[in-house]
Amino acid sequence: MYNNRPIIVGQEDLKRLENFLANDVTASSEKPNLQSLLRKLDTATIVEPDEIPSDVVTLDSTMRLSVSRSGYDDLNTLVIPEKAAIAAYHLSVLAPIGIAIFECYVGDKVRWPMRGAFQIHIKDVLHQPERGGVVP
């Protein structure tokens, strides 16, 4: 559920994703997810980093997620695939969960179909690079 809000992607995130994809270093396990991410990017409005609302999940954002199945809240950071590390709670933007939450807003509940359907609730964005004027 995206609450009918527009998908907004910062120019810097778009450049980073395009550079990553141009290098074709996508793991074979993530290639099927690539089309989902590209569809999301195709429908997005591209904006300057300072135009991104502070409650949107961008690359390198740290957010508090609640998973309906477990009921637990976790802090996770959304990263490009080469920086992903599940043990460190760094989620790849090309993983199904990463695609689901990328560019969502605080308060959104996203249905995630892996291993049976359940919802991920984006409870808070604790760190967003664009919020502080820091763009990776």
C-alpha atoms as a PDB file:
ATOM      1  CA  MET A   1       0.000   0.000   0.000  1.00  0.00           C
ATOM      2  CA  TYR A   2       1.522   3.312  -1.039  1.00  0.00           C
ATOM      3  CA  ASN A   3      -1.359   5.544   0.027  1.00  0.00           C
ATOM      4  CA  ASN A   4      -1.501   6.949  -3.529  1.00  0.00           C
ATOM      5  CA  ARG A   5       1.577   9.080  -2.923  1.00  0.00           C
ATOM      6  CA  PRO A   6       3.992   9.597  -5.799  1.00  0.00           C
ATOM      7  CA  ILE A   7       7.190   7.602  -6.047  1.00  0.00           C
ATOM      8  CA  ILE A   8       9.998  10.134  -5.721  1.00  0.00           C
ATOM      9  CA  VAL A   9      13.605   9.303  -6.535  1.00  0.00           C
ATOM     10  CA  GLY A  10      16.471  11.668  -5.941  1.00  0.00           C
ATOM     11  CA  GLN A  11      18.802  12.343  -8.843  1.00  0.00           C
ATOM     12  CA  GLU A  12      21.774  11.067  -6.845  1.00  0.00           C
ATOM     13  CA  ASP A  13      20.050   7.765  -6.001  1.00  0.00           C
ATOM     14  CA  LEU A  14      19.113   7.367  -9.655  1.00  0.00           C
ATOM     15  CA  LYS A  15      22.735   7.998 -10.729  1.00  0.00           C
ATOM     16  CA  ARG A  16      24.058   5.500  -8.170  1.00  0.00           C
ATOM     17  CA  LEU A  17      21.590   2.843  -9.294  1.00  0.00           C
ATOM     18  CA  GLU A  18      22.305   3.486 -12.978  1.00  0.00           C
ATOM     19  CA  ASN A  19      26.071   3.238 -12.340  1.00  0.00           C
ATOM     20  CA  PHE A  20      25.597   0.023 -10.417  1.00  0.00           C
ATOM     21  CA  LEU A  21      23.393  -1.471 -13.137  1.00  0.00           C
ATOM     22  CA  ALA A  22      25.754  -0.317 -15.917  1.00  0.00           C
ATOM     23  CA  ASN A  23      28.583  -2.269 -14.308  1.00  0.00           C
ATOM     24  CA  ASP A  24      26.401  -5.413 -14.462  1.00  0.00           C
ATOM     25  CA  VAL A  25      27.673  -6.715 -11.139  1.00  0.00           C
ATOM     26  CA  THR A  26      24.209  -7.885 -10.201  1.00  0.00           C
ATOM     27  CA  ALA A  27      24.296 -11.247  -8.476  1.00  0.00           C
ATOM     28  CA  SER A  28      22.475 -13.952 -10.395  1.00  0.00           C
ATOM     29  CA  SER A  29      20.060 -14.368  -7.472  1.00  0.00           C
ATOM     30  CA  GLU A  30      19.056 -10.691  -7.772  1.00  0.00           C
ATOM     31  CA  LYS A  31      18.665 -10.455 -11.572  1.00  0.00           C
ATOM     32  CA  PRO A  32      14.972 -11.476 -11.541  1.00  0.00           C
ATOM     33  CA  ASN A  33      14.283  -8.589  -9.154  1.00  0.00           C
ATOM     34  CA  LEU A  34      15.917  -6.078 -11.456  1.00  0.00           C
ATOM     35  CA  GLN A  35      12.793  -5.699 -13.622  1.00  0.00           C
ATOM     36  CA  SER A  36      10.710  -4.822 -10.553  1.00  0.00           C
ATOM     37  CA  LEU A  37      13.145  -2.093  -9.582  1.00  0.00           C
ATOM     38  CA  LEU A  38      13.290  -0.754 -13.148  1.00  0.00           C
ATOM     39  CA  ARG A  39       9.475  -0.598 -13.297  1.00  0.00           C
ATOM     40  CA  LYS A  40       9.476   1.387 -10.058  1.00  0.00           C
ATOM     41  CA  LEU A  41      12.103   3.783 -11.416  1.00  0.00           C
ATOM     42  CA  ASP A  42      10.151   4.209 -14.678  1.00  0.00           C
ATOM     43  CA  THR A  43       7.115   5.496 -12.783  1.00  0.00           C
ATOM     44  CA  ALA A  44       9.065   7.749 -10.426  1.00  0.00           C
ATOM     45  CA  THR A  45       9.363  11.501 -10.384  1.00  0.00           C
ATOM     46  CA  ILE A  46      13.055  12.440 -10.353  1.00  0.00           C
ATOM     47  CA  VAL A  47      13.882  15.337  -8.020  1.00  0.00           C
ATOM     48  CA  GLU A  48      16.852  17.143  -6.509  1.00  0.00           C
ATOM     49  CA  PRO A  49      18.016  15.633  -3.205  1.00  0.00           C
ATOM     50  CA  ASP A  50      16.789  18.623  -1.193  1.00  0.00           C
ATOM     51  CA  GLU A  51      13.262  18.100  -2.591  1.00  0.00           C
ATOM     52  CA  ILE A  52      12.881  14.638  -1.088  1.00  0.00           C
ATOM     53  CA  PRO A  53      10.495  14.565   1.871  1.00  0.00           C
ATOM     54  CA  SER A  54      12.187  13.558   5.120  1.00  0.00           C
ATOM     55  CA  ASP A  55       9.828  10.605   5.588  1.00  0.00           C
ATOM     56  CA  VAL A  56      10.795   8.768   2.374  1.00  0.00           C
ATOM     57  CA  VAL A  57      13.065   5.686   2.326  1.00  0.00           C
ATOM     58  CA  THR A  58      16.023   6.417   0.028  1.00  0.00           C
ATOM     59  CA  LEU A  59      19.329   4.657  -0.516  1.00  0.00           C
ATOM     60  CA  ASP A  60      21.394   4.625   2.670  1.00  0.00           C
ATOM     61  CA  SER A  61      18.348   5.488   4.781  1.00  0.00           C
ATOM     62  CA  THR A  62      18.021   3.771   8.129  1.00  0.00           C
ATOM     63  CA  MET A  63      14.456   2.991   9.023  1.00  0.00           C
ATOM     64  CA  ARG A  64      12.452   1.220  11.685  1.00  0.00           C
ATOM     65  CA  LEU A  65      10.419  -1.592  10.160  1.00  0.00           C
ATOM     66  CA  SER A  66       7.782  -3.734  11.795  1.00  0.00           C
ATOM     67  CA  VAL A  67       7.056  -7.117  10.245  1.00  0.00           C
ATOM     68  CA  SER A  68       3.497  -8.339  10.813  1.00  0.00           C
ATOM     69  CA  ARG A  69       4.505 -11.960  11.108  1.00  0.00           C
ATOM     70  CA  SER A  70       7.035 -11.477  13.911  1.00  0.00           C
ATOM     71  CA  GLY A  71       5.667  -8.348  15.523  1.00  0.00           C
ATOM     72  CA  TYR A  72       9.217  -7.134  16.092  1.00  0.00           C
ATOM     73  CA  ASP A  73      10.646  -3.783  15.089  1.00  0.00           C
ATOM     74  CA  ASP A  74      14.032  -3.818  13.392  1.00  0.00           C
ATOM     75  CA  LEU A  75      16.366  -1.055  12.292  1.00  0.00           C
ATOM     76  CA  ASN A  76      17.501  -1.616   8.725  1.00  0.00           C
ATOM     77  CA  THR A  77      19.514   0.365   6.205  1.00  0.00           C
ATOM     78  CA  LEU A  78      18.724   0.207   2.491  1.00  0.00           C
ATOM     79  CA  VAL A  79      21.909  -0.091   0.418  1.00  0.00           C
ATOM     80  CA  ILE A  80      23.164  -0.931  -3.054  1.00  0.00           C
ATOM     81  CA  PRO A  81      23.691  -4.707  -3.397  1.00  0.00           C
ATOM     82  CA  GLU A  82      27.465  -4.703  -2.966  1.00  0.00           C
ATOM     83  CA  LYS A  83      27.026  -3.232   0.535  1.00  0.00           C
ATOM     84  CA  ALA A  84      24.252  -5.601   1.605  1.00  0.00           C
ATOM     85  CA  ALA A  85      24.792  -7.665   4.752  1.00  0.00           C
ATOM     86  CA  ILE A  86      21.780  -9.305   6.379  1.00  0.00           C
ATOM     87  CA  ALA A  87      23.647  -9.803   9.666  1.00  0.00           C
ATOM     88  CA  ALA A  88      24.282  -6.037   9.814  1.00  0.00           C
ATOM     89  CA  TYR A  89      20.659  -5.270   8.796  1.00  0.00           C
ATOM     90  CA  HIS A  90      21.823  -3.761   5.506  1.00  0.00           C
ATOM     91  CA  LEU A  91      19.146  -4.638   2.953  1.00  0.00           C
ATOM     92  CA  SER A  92      19.880  -4.694  -0.773  1.00  0.00           C
ATOM     93  CA  VAL A  93      17.684  -2.447  -2.889  1.00  0.00           C
ATOM     94  CA  LEU A  94      17.557  -5.391  -5.345  1.00  0.00           C
ATOM     95  CA  ALA A  95      16.243  -7.860  -2.780  1.00  0.00           C
ATOM     96  CA  PRO A  96      12.450  -8.267  -2.851  1.00  0.00           C
ATOM     97  CA  ILE A  97      12.108  -6.516   0.515  1.00  0.00           C
ATOM     98  CA  GLY A  98      14.432  -3.714  -0.647  1.00  0.00           C
ATOM     99  CA  ILE A  99      12.398  -3.095  -3.789  1.00  0.00           C
ATOM    100  CA  ALA A 100       9.208  -3.152  -1.719  1.00  0.00           C
ATOM    101  CA  ILE A 101      10.352  -0.441   0.707  1.00  0.00           C
ATOM    102  CA  PHE A 102      12.469   1.720  -1.643  1.00  0.00           C
ATOM    103  CA  GLU A 103      10.900   5.187  -1.933  1.00  0.00           C
ATOM    104  CA  CYS A 104       8.031   4.347   0.427  1.00  0.00           C
ATOM    105  CA  TYR A 105       6.907   6.757   3.104  1.00  0.00           C
ATOM    106  CA  VAL A 106       6.697   6.489   6.892  1.00  0.00           C
ATOM    107  CA  GLY A 107       3.342   4.939   7.687  1.00  0.00           C
ATOM    108  CA  ASP A 108       3.181   2.827   4.530  1.00  0.00           C
ATOM    109  CA  LYS A 109       2.376  -0.832   4.899  1.00  0.00           C
ATOM    110  CA  VAL A 110       3.888  -2.913   2.146  1.00  0.00           C
ATOM    111  CA  ARG A 111       2.771  -6.427   1.311  1.00  0.00           C
ATOM    112  CA  TRP A 112       5.756  -8.711   0.897  1.00  0.00           C
ATOM    113  CA  PRO A 113       4.991 -12.062  -0.748  1.00  0.00           C
ATOM    114  CA  MET A 114       8.129 -13.973   0.258  1.00  0.00           C
ATOM    115  CA  ARG A 115       7.483 -17.191   2.188  1.00  0.00           C
ATOM    116  CA  GLY A 116       3.802 -16.435   2.548  1.00  0.00           C
ATOM    117  CA  ALA A 117       2.355 -12.969   2.398  1.00  0.00           C
ATOM    118  CA  PHE A 118       2.844 -10.575   5.269  1.00  0.00           C
ATOM    119  CA  GLN A 119       3.129  -6.844   5.768  1.00  0.00           C
ATOM    120  CA  ILE A 120       6.039  -4.589   6.512  1.00  0.00           C
ATOM    121  CA  HIS A 121       5.123  -1.352   8.239  1.00  0.00           C
ATOM    122  CA  ILE A 122       7.556   1.527   7.777  1.00  0.00           C
ATOM    123  CA  LYS A 123       7.407   3.110  11.204  1.00  0.00           C
ATOM    124  CA  ASP A 124      10.130   5.736  11.008  1.00  0.00           C
ATOM    125  CA  VAL A 125      13.065   6.986   8.937  1.00  0.00           C
ATOM    126  CA  LEU A 126      15.798   7.628  11.474  1.00  0.00           C
ATOM    127  CA  HIS A 127      18.484   8.636   9.006  1.00  0.00           C
ATOM    128  CA  GLN A 128      18.105   9.830   5.438  1.00  0.00           C
ATOM    129  CA  PRO A 129      21.211  11.212   3.719  1.00  0.00           C
ATOM    130  CA  GLU A 130      19.234  13.863   1.868  1.00  0.00           C
ATOM    131  CA  ARG A 131      17.700  15.161   5.103  1.00  0.00           C
ATOM    132  CA  GLY A 132      21.041  16.432   6.361  1.00  0.00           C
ATOM    133  CA  GLY A 133      22.264  17.605   2.972  1.00  0.00           C
ATOM    134  CA  VAL A 134      24.621  14.631   2.803  1.00  0.00           C
ATOM    135  CA  VAL A 135      24.457  12.822  -0.503  1.00  0.00           C
ATOM    136  CA  PRO A 136      26.727   9.783  -0.914  1.00  0.00           C
END
